[in-house]
Amino acid sequence: MTEPDINADLWEAHAEWWQREFTDGADPEYTEQIIPLILDWTAGFDRILEVGTGEGQVARAMAAVHGATVVGVDPTANQIAEALRRGGGVEYHRAGAEDLPFEEASFDAVVCCLVFEHIDAVDAALAEVARVLRPGGRFVFCLNHPLLQTPGSGWIDDQMIDPPEQYWRIGPYLLEQAVVEEVEKGVHIRFVHRPLSRYLNAMADVGLMLERMIEPAPPQGFIDRAPEYTEVTTIPRLLTLVARRRD
């Protein structure tokens, strides 16, 4: 079995876990930070594509708030089935990021939210984003922060020194690697880590030019869940890149 097959099988198997733990208000990072941020940066666009829409919560929010035509694509059958069930005035298609079923320059804006960490074909996927985005259109690209959320990163409570110290350990940042992590008991998800330069250079190669880079502190709802970490507000979990397709 190839690695992409493993990735697809894991997402099909754990779609219900994602829907339960991260949608319909269950996750403060989405409700307090990710969705408001995406709404801010997609305001004023008439036709928006979300790549990796999952069960559609971000797409539904854009359709409801902006009154825009919103299309969502996802390769996971169980996610698309749930997205269709939840509705919200969004058009859904089952498709991978590396082969989008749309004409060139079909969209005014494209959104990808916590998707590329699970994609192997990063160059092909970004080329597809650029292809379906009109010249001058906006690309809103959210990632788990490639530096601070590297595999092996995490809080360390060092009780071996006096006084004890608490700090954030960073894993091997420059090493591009795929790992399968047990994110909770019995739930395994495959992540692909890449340095930030890998994304920015691949975007530039297909004419997606960076305009803003946003590193927000974790939202209050997340902080409330981690009171043992006194410095949690200094470690961003999310990175958002806002780019424009070159005219």
Protein backbone atom coordinates (compact mmCIF):
# COMPACT_ATOMS: atom_id res chain seq x y z
CA MET A 1 0.00 0.00 0.00
CA THR A 2 1.37 3.42 -0.97
CA GLU A 3 1.63 6.31 1.46
CA PRO A 4 -1.20 8.25 -0.24
CA ASP A 5 -3.40 5.16 0.10
CA ILE A 6 -2.62 5.10 3.82
CA ASN A 7 -3.47 8.78 4.09
CA ALA A 8 -6.81 8.35 2.31
CA ASP A 9 -7.73 5.31 4.36
CA LEU A 10 -6.96 7.07 7.64
CA TRP A 11 -9.12 10.06 6.78
CA GLU A 12 -12.00 7.85 5.69
CA ALA A 13 -11.72 5.89 8.93
CA HIS A 14 -11.52 8.96 11.18
CA ALA A 15 -13.90 11.40 9.45
CA GLU A 16 -16.44 11.01 12.24
CA TRP A 17 -13.75 11.84 14.83
CA TRP A 18 -12.95 15.07 12.97
CA GLN A 19 -16.62 15.99 12.71
CA ARG A 20 -17.16 15.35 16.42
CA GLU A 21 -14.06 17.08 17.76
CA PHE A 22 -13.57 20.06 15.45
CA THR A 23 -16.92 21.19 14.03
CA ASP A 24 -20.24 22.67 15.16
CA GLY A 25 -18.55 24.78 17.82
CA ALA A 26 -16.59 21.95 19.44
CA ASP A 27 -13.15 23.47 18.80
CA PRO A 28 -12.34 27.03 19.96
CA GLU A 29 -9.49 27.39 17.50
CA TYR A 30 -11.98 27.13 14.65
CA THR A 31 -14.78 29.15 16.20
CA GLU A 32 -12.68 31.90 17.78
CA GLN A 33 -9.77 32.18 15.37
CA ILE A 34 -9.71 30.23 12.10
CA ILE A 35 -13.22 30.93 10.81
CA PRO A 36 -13.21 34.65 11.77
CA LEU A 37 -9.78 35.08 10.18
CA ILE A 38 -10.87 33.41 6.94
CA LEU A 39 -14.06 35.48 6.86
CA ASP A 40 -12.00 38.66 7.19
CA TRP A 41 -9.70 37.78 4.30
CA THR A 42 -12.40 36.49 1.93
CA ALA A 43 -14.78 39.44 2.33
CA GLY A 44 -15.70 41.07 -0.97
CA PHE A 45 -15.10 38.04 -3.19
CA ASP A 46 -18.02 36.65 -5.17
CA ARG A 47 -16.92 33.13 -6.04
CA ILE A 48 -14.81 31.21 -3.51
CA LEU A 49 -13.34 27.70 -3.57
CA GLU A 50 -12.37 25.84 -0.40
CA VAL A 51 -9.87 23.05 -1.04
CA GLY A 52 -10.03 20.33 1.62
CA THR A 53 -13.41 21.45 2.88
CA GLY A 54 -14.00 18.43 5.14
CA GLU A 55 -17.61 18.52 6.32
CA GLY A 56 -17.88 22.11 5.16
CA GLN A 57 -17.93 24.30 8.27
CA VAL A 58 -15.63 26.96 6.80
CA ALA A 59 -17.42 26.90 3.45
CA ARG A 60 -20.82 27.24 5.13
CA ALA A 61 -19.60 30.24 7.12
CA MET A 62 -18.34 32.01 4.00
CA ALA A 63 -21.61 31.36 2.18
CA ALA A 64 -23.70 32.56 5.12
CA VAL A 65 -21.71 35.70 5.98
CA HIS A 66 -20.61 36.86 2.53
CA GLY A 67 -23.56 35.69 0.46
CA ALA A 68 -20.96 34.45 -2.00
CA THR A 69 -21.06 31.45 -4.29
CA VAL A 70 -18.94 28.92 -2.38
CA VAL A 71 -17.68 25.58 -3.67
CA GLY A 72 -16.00 22.97 -1.48
CA VAL A 73 -13.89 20.00 -2.55
CA ASP A 74 -12.51 17.15 -0.47
CA PRO A 75 -11.15 13.69 -1.39
CA THR A 76 -12.79 11.95 1.58
CA ALA A 77 -16.15 10.36 0.76
CA ASN A 78 -17.29 10.35 4.39
CA GLN A 79 -16.59 14.08 4.71
CA ILE A 80 -18.40 15.00 1.52
CA ALA A 81 -21.41 12.90 2.52
CA GLU A 82 -21.62 14.78 5.82
CA ALA A 83 -21.09 18.14 4.10
CA LEU A 84 -24.02 17.40 1.78
CA ARG A 85 -26.15 16.37 4.74
CA ARG A 86 -25.39 19.62 6.61
CA GLY A 87 -26.06 21.72 3.52
CA GLY A 88 -25.66 25.45 4.00
CA GLY A 89 -25.94 26.56 0.40
CA VAL A 90 -22.52 25.26 -0.66
CA GLU A 91 -21.76 23.23 -3.79
CA TYR A 92 -19.60 20.19 -3.01
CA HIS A 93 -17.40 17.93 -5.13
CA ARG A 94 -15.24 14.96 -4.23
CA ALA A 95 -11.76 15.75 -5.55
CA GLY A 96 -8.14 15.99 -4.47
CA ALA A 97 -6.19 19.23 -4.34
CA GLU A 98 -3.81 18.06 -7.06
CA ASP A 99 -6.60 17.57 -9.66
CA LEU A 100 -9.33 20.20 -9.27
CA PRO A 101 -12.33 19.69 -11.59
CA PHE A 102 -12.68 23.35 -12.63
CA GLU A 103 -11.77 25.60 -15.54
CA GLU A 104 -8.88 28.05 -15.37
CA ALA A 105 -9.57 31.32 -13.53
CA SER A 106 -12.90 30.02 -12.18
CA PHE A 107 -12.65 31.59 -8.72
CA ASP A 108 -12.01 34.99 -7.17
CA ALA A 109 -10.54 33.46 -4.00
CA VAL A 110 -9.28 30.06 -2.87
CA VAL A 111 -9.06 28.92 0.75
CA CYS A 112 -7.03 25.99 2.09
CA CYS A 113 -7.35 25.44 5.84
CA LEU A 114 -5.09 22.91 7.62
CA VAL A 115 -4.99 20.77 4.47
CA PHE A 116 -1.47 20.83 3.04
CA GLU A 117 -0.08 19.12 6.15
CA HIS A 118 -1.75 15.98 4.75
CA ILE A 119 -0.85 16.38 1.04
CA ASP A 120 2.13 14.74 -0.62
CA ALA A 121 1.81 16.40 -4.05
CA VAL A 122 2.43 19.92 -2.75
CA ASP A 123 3.72 21.35 -6.04
CA ALA A 124 0.87 19.95 -8.11
CA ALA A 125 -1.70 21.11 -5.56
CA LEU A 126 -0.38 24.68 -5.45
CA ALA A 127 -0.22 24.73 -9.25
CA GLU A 128 -3.90 23.76 -9.31
CA VAL A 129 -4.76 26.53 -6.86
CA ALA A 130 -3.04 29.04 -9.14
CA ARG A 131 -4.71 27.60 -12.24
CA VAL A 132 -8.29 27.92 -10.97
CA LEU A 133 -7.71 31.34 -9.36
CA ARG A 134 -8.29 34.39 -11.54
CA PRO A 135 -5.41 36.84 -12.05
CA GLY A 136 -5.39 39.19 -9.07
CA GLY A 137 -7.44 36.70 -7.02
CA ARG A 138 -6.65 35.90 -3.39
CA PHE A 139 -5.30 32.71 -1.85
CA VAL A 140 -5.85 32.29 1.91
CA PHE A 141 -3.61 29.49 3.15
CA CYS A 142 -3.76 28.27 6.77
CA LEU A 143 -1.19 25.83 8.14
CA ASN A 144 -0.19 24.36 11.43
CA HIS A 145 2.82 26.60 12.03
CA PRO A 146 5.67 24.83 10.14
CA LEU A 147 8.33 25.93 12.66
CA LEU A 148 6.56 25.74 15.98
CA GLN A 149 4.36 22.72 15.25
CA THR A 150 7.15 20.58 13.77
CA PRO A 151 6.97 16.83 14.60
CA GLY A 152 8.63 16.33 17.97
CA SER A 153 7.74 19.81 19.17
CA GLY A 154 5.94 20.28 22.47
CA TRP A 155 5.94 21.69 25.97
CA ILE A 156 8.72 20.55 28.27
CA ASP A 157 8.46 20.82 32.05
CA ASP A 158 12.05 20.44 33.19
CA GLN A 159 12.01 19.50 36.88
CA MET A 160 15.67 18.45 36.88
CA ILE A 161 16.97 21.98 37.27
CA ASP A 162 16.50 24.47 40.11
CA PRO A 163 14.33 26.37 39.68
CA PRO A 164 12.32 24.18 37.24
CA GLU A 165 11.79 25.56 33.74
CA GLN A 166 9.00 25.28 31.22
CA TYR A 167 9.79 25.76 27.54
CA TRP A 168 8.70 24.83 24.02
CA ARG A 169 10.89 22.26 22.29
CA ILE A 170 11.16 22.53 18.49
CA GLY A 171 11.61 19.36 16.45
CA PRO A 172 13.83 18.93 13.34
CA TYR A 173 12.51 21.87 11.34
CA LEU A 174 14.53 21.56 8.13
CA LEU A 175 13.79 17.86 7.62
CA GLU A 176 10.84 17.30 5.28
CA GLN A 177 9.09 14.21 6.60
CA ALA A 178 5.79 12.37 6.86
CA VAL A 179 4.73 10.88 10.18
CA VAL A 180 1.62 9.07 11.38
CA GLU A 181 0.66 10.44 14.79
CA GLU A 182 -1.78 9.06 17.32
CA VAL A 183 -3.69 12.28 17.98
CA GLU A 184 -5.92 10.60 20.53
CA LYS A 185 -6.33 6.99 21.60
CA GLY A 186 -7.07 4.89 18.53
CA VAL A 187 -7.02 7.83 16.10
CA HIS A 188 -4.03 7.95 13.76
CA ILE A 189 -3.54 10.80 11.29
CA ARG A 190 -0.71 11.27 8.80
CA PHE A 191 1.06 14.64 8.75
CA VAL A 192 3.64 15.94 6.27
CA HIS A 193 6.05 18.52 7.68
CA ARG A 194 7.81 20.98 5.38
CA PRO A 195 9.83 24.12 6.13
CA LEU A 196 8.03 27.38 5.43
CA SER A 197 10.43 28.15 2.59
CA ARG A 198 9.22 25.04 0.77
CA TYR A 199 5.69 26.43 0.65
CA LEU A 200 6.67 30.01 -0.18
CA ASN A 201 9.00 29.01 -3.01
CA ALA A 202 6.45 26.60 -4.49
CA MET A 203 3.82 29.36 -4.35
CA ALA A 204 6.15 31.84 -6.05
CA ASP A 205 6.92 29.31 -8.80
CA VAL A 206 3.25 29.24 -9.83
CA GLY A 207 2.63 32.97 -9.48
CA LEU A 208 1.10 33.09 -5.99
CA MET A 209 2.76 36.13 -4.46
CA LEU A 210 2.77 36.61 -0.69
CA GLU A 211 1.05 39.77 0.59
CA ARG A 212 0.56 39.05 4.31
CA MET A 213 1.84 36.53 6.88
CA ILE A 214 -0.19 36.19 10.08
CA GLU A 215 0.96 34.39 13.26
CA PRO A 216 -1.84 34.83 15.79
CA ALA A 217 -1.56 33.85 19.42
CA PRO A 218 -3.81 30.92 20.38
CA PRO A 219 -7.37 32.08 21.07
CA GLN A 220 -8.71 32.41 24.60
CA GLY A 221 -10.74 29.22 24.37
CA PHE A 222 -7.60 27.22 23.68
CA ILE A 223 -5.67 29.01 26.41
CA ASP A 224 -8.43 28.19 28.88
CA ARG A 225 -7.87 24.51 28.13
CA ALA A 226 -4.12 24.74 28.83
CA PRO A 227 -3.77 26.74 32.07
CA GLU A 228 -0.72 24.71 33.10
CA TYR A 229 1.32 26.36 30.34
CA THR A 230 2.12 29.87 31.48
CA GLU A 231 3.71 30.86 28.17
CA VAL A 232 1.04 29.39 25.88
CA THR A 233 0.21 32.81 24.43
CA THR A 234 3.76 33.17 23.09
CA ILE A 235 3.64 30.05 20.87
CA PRO A 236 1.45 30.42 17.75
CA ARG A 237 -0.17 27.21 16.55
CA LEU A 238 -1.52 28.70 13.32
CA LEU A 239 0.22 30.33 10.37
CA THR A 240 -1.85 32.10 7.72
CA LEU A 241 -0.41 33.21 4.39
CA VAL A 242 -2.41 35.59 2.22
CA ALA A 243 -1.28 35.65 -1.40
CA ARG A 244 -2.36 37.15 -4.72
CA ARG A 245 -2.21 35.43 -8.08
CA ARG A 246 0.10 37.42 -10.29
CA ASP A 247 -1.73 39.32 -13.06
